[in-house]
Amino acid sequence: MVRNSSRRTADHGLQLSAEAVEQMRAELPRAADHVVAAIIDEVPSYTDAFSGPMGETIRNAVQVALGGFLSLASGKRGTDVSTPTAPAVEGSYQLGRGEARSGRSTDALLAAFRIGARVSWREMSTTAVRNGVEGEVLVDFAELVFAYIDELSAAAVAGHTDELATTGRVRQRLLERVVHHLLTGSPVDQVVDAAERAGWEPPKTLTAVIVPEAQVRPVLSSLSPGTLQAADPPELDEGVLLLVPDAHAHRRTALLRTLADRGSVAGPARPWLEVRASYDRALRAHAAGIDLDTEAHLVTLVLDADPSARADLRAQLLAPLADLRPGTADKLADTLRSWLLHQGRREDVAEQLFVHPQTVRYRMGQLRELYGERLDDPEYVLALTVALG
């Protein structure tokens, strides 16, 4: 129910004669018809809405509103001064909620109230003058009419705002459920059902993006309205997870342009039901301090996929150097790595290590003595490349 703590009409001093009020009350149906006709004529979005049963409902609501006003203007009050107008205020509040559900804006709603105020004042003032209401009283009457309409329009706007807020919160929770199912490996039918409940149209692909909290608003403003935001995504201690629809192929360039210089990282595009794979890669990149595009750092991500296994592999393959002095072992390991990466091109190795090519030749001679024929074994060379890469 709507709450209104400062009612501008509550303490008015106007009291119309019983005869004038009775005459106006008798003409309420006609006044309501004129109000509805004027709104239909001047506010295009209500042209179809007021046809049929809806038009009759609005006519009744206008009569209730004007009837409450006339009770107020006649001085009828109970112990609660708000009693005469309470039904009309509550009705306006519910009207606002209904308008939000129908997708109409507050602009249309307020326009309808302005027109209603103008036509109502024209109808009732004409009757008031005909019943001998004096000019000074008529001024107070006009002030009360427009103050009353202001209260009703404020109640309608409050209802509209509350409905949008409620609808938004409910839909956000439903969308969060979609994300939860996607990230936790729920059955496909459960994910699809959650998407239908949320009114979210599944895209072809989703791309997981991790964004610093301070950057979420500007990033979202440039992304598709269908972008999902996760609530407390698993394993993410800092940052916000967004799932961006259809940011694959050439559209990825636009996504990366949006994320540039924002401390964000984007996983690969994946079929929407497989977005957990995109999130896992983005999560690993985020933990490794990789920025922006995971696809530009695939080698690093592969090599660091299991740091413990890679450390064991490195120790195992560098075992032939274990008995050498640490300084010598380090120089030979660096030379072996460069030799592998440059495919044995001595000049390139020397340039990278800032040594003479003859030094490279000498060190490689030492390495061949230590490793023997294993340096000619493709599988062993692959293992060395991974371990030292």
Protein backbone atom coordinates (compact mmCIF):
# COMPACT_ATOMS: atom_id res chain seq x y z
CA MET A 1 0.00 0.00 0.00
CA VAL A 2 1.23 3.51 -0.81
CA ARG A 3 2.50 5.71 2.02
CA ASN A 4 2.15 9.53 1.92
CA SER A 5 3.48 11.34 4.97
CA SER A 6 2.88 14.98 3.87
CA ARG A 7 -0.59 15.34 2.38
CA ARG A 8 -1.02 18.82 0.95
CA THR A 9 -4.84 18.61 0.97
CA ALA A 10 -5.29 17.39 4.54
CA ASP A 11 -5.62 20.76 6.29
CA HIS A 12 -7.40 22.85 3.67
CA GLY A 13 -10.02 25.35 4.84
CA LEU A 14 -12.39 25.14 1.88
CA GLN A 15 -15.94 23.95 2.37
CA LEU A 16 -18.32 24.08 -0.57
CA SER A 17 -22.05 24.23 -0.10
CA ALA A 18 -23.93 20.96 0.06
CA GLU A 19 -25.98 21.99 -2.99
CA ALA A 20 -22.90 22.62 -5.16
CA VAL A 21 -21.26 19.39 -4.06
CA GLU A 22 -24.43 17.42 -4.72
CA GLN A 23 -24.76 18.90 -8.20
CA MET A 24 -21.10 18.08 -9.00
CA ARG A 25 -21.51 14.56 -7.68
CA ALA A 26 -24.49 14.03 -9.96
CA GLU A 27 -22.36 15.02 -12.93
CA LEU A 28 -19.40 12.77 -12.08
CA PRO A 29 -20.20 10.15 -14.78
CA ARG A 30 -20.25 12.82 -17.47
CA ALA A 31 -17.05 14.42 -16.13
CA ALA A 32 -15.34 11.03 -16.09
CA ASP A 33 -16.34 10.43 -19.72
CA HIS A 34 -14.84 13.79 -20.72
CA VAL A 35 -11.61 13.06 -18.83
CA VAL A 36 -11.19 9.67 -20.51
CA ALA A 37 -12.02 11.08 -23.96
CA ALA A 38 -9.47 13.87 -23.53
CA ILE A 39 -6.74 11.45 -22.43
CA ILE A 40 -7.42 9.14 -25.39
CA ASP A 41 -7.31 12.12 -27.74
CA GLU A 42 -4.12 13.71 -26.36
CA VAL A 43 -1.97 10.79 -25.18
CA PRO A 44 -1.42 8.36 -28.10
CA SER A 45 -0.19 5.48 -25.93
CA TYR A 46 -3.61 5.33 -24.25
CA THR A 47 -5.66 5.20 -27.44
CA ASP A 48 -5.93 1.41 -27.50
CA ALA A 49 -5.43 0.87 -23.78
CA PHE A 50 -8.69 2.62 -22.86
CA SER A 51 -10.84 0.75 -25.35
CA GLY A 52 -13.22 -1.94 -24.13
CA PRO A 53 -13.27 -3.06 -20.47
CA MET A 54 -10.13 -1.06 -19.65
CA GLY A 55 -11.86 2.18 -20.59
CA GLU A 56 -14.76 1.38 -18.25
CA THR A 57 -12.34 0.58 -15.42
CA ILE A 58 -10.59 3.92 -15.86
CA ARG A 59 -13.91 5.76 -15.96
CA ASN A 60 -14.86 4.17 -12.64
CA ALA A 61 -11.44 5.05 -11.19
CA VAL A 62 -11.89 8.69 -12.26
CA GLN A 63 -15.30 8.79 -10.61
CA VAL A 64 -13.86 7.34 -7.40
CA ALA A 65 -11.07 9.92 -7.46
CA LEU A 66 -13.42 12.83 -8.06
CA GLY A 67 -15.89 11.49 -5.53
CA GLY A 68 -13.15 11.40 -2.91
CA PHE A 69 -12.24 14.95 -3.80
CA LEU A 70 -15.83 16.14 -3.42
CA SER A 71 -16.06 14.52 0.00
CA LEU A 72 -12.88 16.38 0.90
CA ALA A 73 -14.18 19.68 -0.50
CA SER A 74 -17.48 19.34 1.34
CA GLY A 75 -15.64 19.10 4.67
CA LYS A 76 -16.54 15.44 5.41
CA ARG A 77 -13.86 14.01 7.67
CA GLY A 78 -13.68 11.23 10.16
CA THR A 79 -11.07 10.82 12.89
CA ASP A 80 -8.53 10.27 10.11
CA VAL A 81 -8.40 13.36 7.90
CA SER A 82 -7.09 11.28 5.04
CA THR A 83 -10.17 9.05 4.92
CA PRO A 84 -12.02 10.78 2.02
CA THR A 85 -9.08 10.57 -0.36
CA ALA A 86 -7.41 7.34 0.79
CA PRO A 87 -9.21 5.05 -1.72
CA ALA A 88 -8.30 7.38 -4.59
CA VAL A 89 -4.65 7.62 -3.52
CA GLU A 90 -4.42 3.86 -3.18
CA GLY A 91 -6.13 3.46 -6.55
CA SER A 92 -3.60 5.81 -8.16
CA TYR A 93 -0.74 3.86 -6.61
CA GLN A 94 -2.07 0.60 -8.05
CA LEU A 95 -2.67 2.33 -11.40
CA GLY A 96 1.01 3.28 -11.46
CA ARG A 97 2.05 -0.31 -10.80
CA GLY A 98 -0.23 -1.53 -13.56
CA GLU A 99 1.19 1.03 -16.01
CA ALA A 100 4.72 -0.19 -15.25
CA ARG A 101 3.64 -3.77 -15.94
CA SER A 102 2.11 -2.60 -19.23
CA GLY A 103 5.42 -1.02 -20.26
CA ARG A 104 4.21 2.59 -20.31
CA SER A 105 6.43 5.33 -18.93
CA THR A 106 5.73 7.85 -16.19
CA ASP A 107 5.68 10.53 -18.90
CA ALA A 108 2.45 9.11 -20.30
CA LEU A 109 1.07 8.64 -16.81
CA LEU A 110 1.79 12.22 -15.71
CA ALA A 111 0.40 13.56 -18.98
CA ALA A 112 -2.85 11.71 -18.26
CA PHE A 113 -3.04 13.25 -14.79
CA ARG A 114 -2.39 16.76 -16.14
CA ILE A 115 -5.18 16.34 -18.67
CA GLY A 116 -7.42 14.88 -15.98
CA ALA A 117 -6.78 17.88 -13.74
CA ARG A 118 -7.56 20.34 -16.53
CA VAL A 119 -10.78 18.67 -17.65
CA SER A 120 -11.97 17.95 -14.11
CA TRP A 121 -11.42 21.58 -13.11
CA ARG A 122 -13.30 22.78 -16.19
CA GLU A 123 -16.27 20.52 -15.47
CA MET A 124 -16.47 21.14 -11.73
CA SER A 125 -15.77 24.89 -11.85
CA THR A 126 -18.55 25.32 -14.41
CA THR A 127 -20.97 23.57 -12.04
CA ALA A 128 -19.63 25.57 -9.07
CA VAL A 129 -20.22 28.90 -10.81
CA ARG A 130 -23.68 27.78 -11.85
CA ASN A 131 -24.42 27.09 -8.18
CA GLY A 132 -23.36 30.52 -6.99
CA VAL A 133 -19.85 29.80 -5.68
CA GLU A 134 -18.12 33.17 -5.22
CA GLY A 135 -14.86 34.11 -6.96
CA GLU A 136 -12.71 34.05 -3.79
CA VAL A 137 -13.97 30.58 -2.91
CA LEU A 138 -13.49 29.50 -6.51
CA VAL A 139 -9.77 30.39 -6.27
CA ASP A 140 -9.40 28.20 -3.17
CA PHE A 141 -11.36 25.48 -4.94
CA ALA A 142 -8.94 25.58 -7.89
CA GLU A 143 -5.95 25.35 -5.58
CA LEU A 144 -7.44 22.31 -3.86
CA VAL A 145 -8.26 20.60 -7.17
CA PHE A 146 -4.68 20.82 -8.42
CA ALA A 147 -3.16 19.93 -5.05
CA TYR A 148 -5.37 16.85 -4.97
CA ILE A 149 -4.35 15.83 -8.49
CA ASP A 150 -0.71 16.33 -7.49
CA GLU A 151 -1.20 13.85 -4.64
CA LEU A 152 -2.78 11.32 -6.94
CA SER A 153 -0.07 11.67 -9.59
CA ALA A 154 2.67 11.37 -6.93
CA ALA A 155 1.04 8.16 -5.68
CA ALA A 156 0.90 6.82 -9.25
CA VAL A 157 4.58 7.60 -9.84
CA ALA A 158 5.47 5.90 -6.55
CA GLY A 159 3.53 2.81 -7.66
CA HIS A 160 5.27 2.84 -11.05
CA THR A 161 8.70 3.14 -9.40
CA ASP A 162 7.98 0.42 -6.85
CA GLU A 163 6.75 -1.98 -9.53
CA LEU A 164 9.85 -1.47 -11.67
CA ALA A 165 12.10 -1.95 -8.65
CA THR A 166 10.28 -5.10 -7.61
CA THR A 167 10.23 -6.50 -11.13
CA GLY A 168 13.90 -5.67 -11.56
CA ARG A 169 14.91 -7.41 -8.33
CA VAL A 170 12.88 -10.50 -9.15
CA ARG A 171 14.30 -10.76 -12.67
CA GLN A 172 17.83 -10.18 -11.42
CA ARG A 173 17.45 -13.09 -9.02
CA LEU A 174 16.13 -15.27 -11.85
CA LEU A 175 19.09 -14.29 -14.05
CA GLU A 176 21.48 -15.08 -11.21
CA ARG A 177 19.96 -18.55 -11.07
CA VAL A 178 20.75 -18.99 -14.77
CA VAL A 179 24.39 -18.10 -14.09
CA HIS A 180 24.49 -20.44 -11.10
CA HIS A 181 23.26 -23.36 -13.20
CA LEU A 182 25.72 -22.57 -15.99
CA LEU A 183 28.72 -22.44 -13.67
CA THR A 184 27.85 -25.47 -11.55
CA GLY A 185 27.19 -27.94 -14.36
CA SER A 186 23.45 -28.35 -13.86
CA PRO A 187 21.56 -30.58 -16.33
CA VAL A 188 20.75 -28.91 -19.64
CA ASP A 189 16.98 -29.02 -19.13
CA GLN A 190 17.39 -27.27 -15.77
CA VAL A 191 19.51 -24.51 -17.31
CA VAL A 192 17.07 -24.03 -20.18
CA ASP A 193 14.11 -23.90 -17.78
CA ALA A 194 15.88 -21.27 -15.65
CA ALA A 195 16.52 -19.18 -18.78
CA GLU A 196 12.85 -19.38 -19.77
CA ARG A 197 11.73 -18.36 -16.27
CA ALA A 198 14.02 -15.34 -16.41
CA GLY A 199 12.84 -14.35 -19.89
CA TRP A 200 16.45 -14.54 -21.10
CA GLU A 201 16.99 -15.58 -24.71
CA PRO A 202 20.02 -17.90 -24.91
CA PRO A 203 22.69 -16.71 -27.39
CA LYS A 204 24.92 -18.89 -29.56
CA THR A 205 27.96 -18.23 -27.37
CA LEU A 206 28.92 -16.74 -24.03
CA THR A 207 32.26 -15.21 -23.10
CA ALA A 208 33.35 -15.05 -19.47
CA VAL A 209 34.82 -11.66 -18.53
CA ILE A 210 36.33 -10.75 -15.16
CA VAL A 211 36.11 -7.02 -14.45
CA PRO A 212 37.25 -4.96 -11.43
CA GLU A 213 34.25 -3.89 -9.40
CA ALA A 214 34.89 -0.20 -10.04
CA GLN A 215 34.75 -0.81 -13.81
CA VAL A 216 31.53 -2.81 -13.96
CA ARG A 217 29.19 0.10 -14.68
CA PRO A 218 31.15 1.62 -17.61
CA VAL A 219 31.81 -1.83 -19.08
CA LEU A 220 28.16 -2.90 -18.86
CA SER A 221 27.06 0.31 -20.57
CA SER A 222 28.93 -0.83 -23.71
CA LEU A 223 27.86 -4.48 -23.68
CA SER A 224 24.76 -6.30 -24.87
CA PRO A 225 21.67 -5.88 -22.62
CA GLY A 226 21.60 -9.69 -22.43
CA THR A 227 24.89 -9.75 -20.49
CA LEU A 228 24.62 -11.78 -17.28
CA GLN A 229 26.26 -10.78 -14.01
CA ALA A 230 27.20 -13.50 -11.56
CA ALA A 231 26.49 -13.27 -7.85
CA ASP A 232 29.41 -14.70 -5.83
CA PRO A 233 30.93 -16.80 -8.65
CA PRO A 234 32.93 -19.82 -7.44
CA GLU A 235 36.66 -19.34 -6.83
CA LEU A 236 36.66 -15.62 -7.68
CA ASP A 237 37.91 -13.69 -4.66
CA GLU A 238 38.01 -10.24 -6.26
CA GLY A 239 36.42 -8.76 -9.36
CA VAL A 240 33.03 -9.28 -10.96
CA LEU A 241 32.14 -12.00 -13.46
CA LEU A 242 30.14 -11.05 -16.55
CA LEU A 243 28.91 -13.50 -19.19
CA VAL A 244 28.73 -11.66 -22.50
CA PRO A 245 26.48 -13.05 -25.26
CA ASP A 246 27.65 -13.54 -28.83
CA ALA A 247 31.04 -11.80 -28.50
CA HIS A 248 32.68 -14.27 -30.87
CA ALA A 249 34.44 -13.86 -34.25
CA HIS A 250 34.75 -10.21 -35.31
CA ARG A 251 32.64 -9.07 -32.33
CA ARG A 252 35.44 -10.08 -29.98
CA THR A 253 37.44 -7.10 -31.22
CA ALA A 254 34.73 -4.73 -29.97
CA LEU A 255 34.61 -6.55 -26.62
CA LEU A 256 38.38 -6.28 -26.17
CA ARG A 257 38.24 -2.60 -27.12
CA THR A 258 35.67 -2.05 -24.36
CA LEU A 259 37.81 -3.89 -21.80
CA ALA A 260 41.13 -2.28 -22.76
CA ASP A 261 42.90 -0.44 -19.93
CA ARG A 262 40.29 -1.52 -17.40
CA GLY A 263 42.23 -4.31 -15.70
CA SER A 264 39.84 -6.89 -17.16
CA VAL A 265 40.37 -10.30 -18.72
CA ALA A 266 38.20 -12.11 -21.28
CA GLY A 267 38.05 -15.87 -21.68
CA PRO A 268 37.29 -17.51 -25.03
CA ALA A 269 33.82 -17.57 -26.57
CA ARG A 270 32.13 -20.92 -25.96
CA PRO A 271 28.69 -22.39 -26.78
CA TRP A 272 26.46 -20.86 -24.12
CA LEU A 273 25.92 -24.10 -22.22
CA GLU A 274 29.71 -24.58 -22.03
CA VAL A 275 30.57 -21.15 -20.63
CA ARG A 276 32.14 -22.73 -17.55
CA ALA A 277 35.17 -23.56 -19.75
CA SER A 278 35.48 -19.87 -20.67
CA TYR A 279 35.23 -18.91 -17.01
CA ASP A 280 37.89 -21.44 -15.95
CA ARG A 281 40.35 -20.00 -18.47
CA ALA A 282 39.59 -16.41 -17.51
CA LEU A 283 39.97 -17.38 -13.85
CA ARG A 284 43.40 -18.94 -14.45
CA ALA A 285 44.51 -15.91 -16.44
CA HIS A 286 43.25 -13.57 -13.74
CA ALA A 287 45.15 -15.48 -11.06
CA ALA A 288 48.31 -15.38 -13.22
CA GLY A 289 48.04 -11.63 -13.71
CA ILE A 290 47.32 -11.94 -17.44
CA ASP A 291 45.45 -8.92 -18.77
CA LEU A 292 42.72 -8.52 -21.37
CA ASP A 293 42.81 -11.39 -23.90
CA THR A 294 43.40 -14.98 -22.79
CA GLU A 295 43.68 -16.02 -26.44
CA ALA A 296 46.87 -13.98 -26.77
CA HIS A 297 48.49 -15.93 -23.91
CA LEU A 298 47.60 -19.54 -24.68
CA VAL A 299 51.18 -20.82 -24.45
CA THR A 300 51.62 -19.29 -21.00
CA LEU A 301 48.30 -20.70 -19.85
CA VAL A 302 49.18 -24.17 -21.14
CA LEU A 303 52.62 -24.13 -19.54
CA ASP A 304 51.20 -22.92 -16.24
CA ALA A 305 48.16 -25.21 -16.24
CA ASP A 306 49.84 -27.48 -13.65
CA PRO A 307 52.74 -25.57 -12.06
CA SER A 308 53.63 -28.45 -9.75
CA ALA A 309 53.87 -30.97 -12.60
CA ARG A 310 55.94 -28.55 -14.65
CA ALA A 311 58.34 -28.02 -11.71
CA ASP A 312 58.73 -31.79 -11.33
CA LEU A 313 59.34 -32.15 -15.07
CA ARG A 314 61.97 -29.41 -15.00
CA ALA A 315 63.77 -31.00 -12.05
CA GLN A 316 63.68 -34.41 -13.74
CA LEU A 317 65.05 -33.16 -17.06
CA LEU A 318 67.76 -30.99 -15.50
CA ALA A 319 69.00 -33.88 -13.35
CA PRO A 320 72.15 -34.31 -15.55
CA LEU A 321 73.23 -30.83 -14.35
CA ALA A 322 72.69 -31.56 -10.67
CA ASP A 323 76.35 -32.30 -9.86
CA LEU A 324 77.68 -29.09 -11.41
CA ARG A 325 78.36 -25.85 -9.57
CA PRO A 326 75.10 -23.78 -9.40
CA GLY A 327 76.53 -21.00 -11.58
CA THR A 328 77.66 -23.42 -14.27
CA ALA A 329 74.38 -25.35 -14.13
CA ASP A 330 72.37 -22.14 -14.58
CA LYS A 331 74.43 -21.05 -17.61
CA LEU A 332 74.05 -24.44 -19.25
CA ALA A 333 70.29 -24.50 -18.55
CA ASP A 334 69.91 -21.03 -20.11
CA THR A 335 71.95 -22.12 -23.13
CA LEU A 336 69.91 -25.30 -23.55
CA ARG A 337 66.67 -23.34 -23.39
CA SER A 338 67.84 -20.81 -25.98
CA TRP A 339 69.17 -23.59 -28.22
CA LEU A 340 65.79 -25.33 -28.12
CA LEU A 341 63.81 -22.17 -28.82
CA HIS A 342 66.10 -21.06 -31.65
CA GLN A 343 66.21 -24.58 -33.12
CA GLY A 344 69.98 -24.83 -32.78
CA ARG A 345 70.86 -21.58 -34.61
CA ARG A 346 74.14 -20.75 -32.87
CA GLU A 347 74.29 -17.06 -33.90
CA ASP A 348 70.76 -16.40 -32.58
CA VAL A 349 71.53 -18.16 -29.30
CA ALA A 350 74.73 -16.12 -28.88
CA GLU A 351 72.84 -12.88 -29.55
CA GLN A 352 70.17 -13.69 -27.00
CA LEU A 353 72.68 -14.69 -24.30
CA PHE A 354 75.14 -11.87 -25.11
CA VAL A 355 78.05 -14.33 -25.58
CA HIS A 356 80.38 -15.28 -28.44
CA PRO A 357 79.15 -18.04 -30.79
CA GLN A 358 82.20 -20.07 -29.78
CA THR A 359 80.97 -19.96 -26.18
CA VAL A 360 77.66 -21.38 -27.32
CA ARG A 361 79.52 -24.13 -29.20
CA TYR A 362 81.55 -24.96 -26.10
CA ARG A 363 78.52 -25.08 -23.81
CA MET A 364 76.54 -27.22 -26.22
CA GLY A 365 79.50 -29.62 -26.30
CA GLN A 366 79.27 -29.90 -22.51
CA LEU A 367 75.50 -30.46 -22.72
CA ARG A 368 75.89 -33.22 -25.29
CA GLU A 369 78.38 -34.96 -23.01
CA LEU A 370 75.86 -34.76 -20.15
CA TYR A 371 72.70 -35.67 -22.15
CA GLY A 372 74.13 -37.86 -24.86
CA GLU A 373 71.79 -39.04 -27.62
CA ARG A 374 68.72 -37.84 -25.73
CA LEU A 375 69.15 -34.40 -27.36
CA ASP A 376 68.38 -36.07 -30.68
CA ASP A 377 65.19 -37.77 -29.40
CA PRO A 378 62.13 -35.70 -30.56
CA GLU A 379 60.00 -36.71 -27.56
CA TYR A 380 62.79 -35.83 -25.14
CA VAL A 381 63.36 -32.51 -26.90
CA LEU A 382 59.61 -31.77 -26.61
CA ALA A 383 59.71 -32.49 -22.89
CA LEU A 384 62.74 -30.20 -22.50
CA THR A 385 60.99 -27.45 -24.44
CA VAL A 386 57.92 -27.65 -22.19
CA ALA A 387 60.01 -27.77 -19.03
CA LEU A 388 62.23 -24.85 -19.98
CA GLY A 389 59.77 -22.88 -22.12
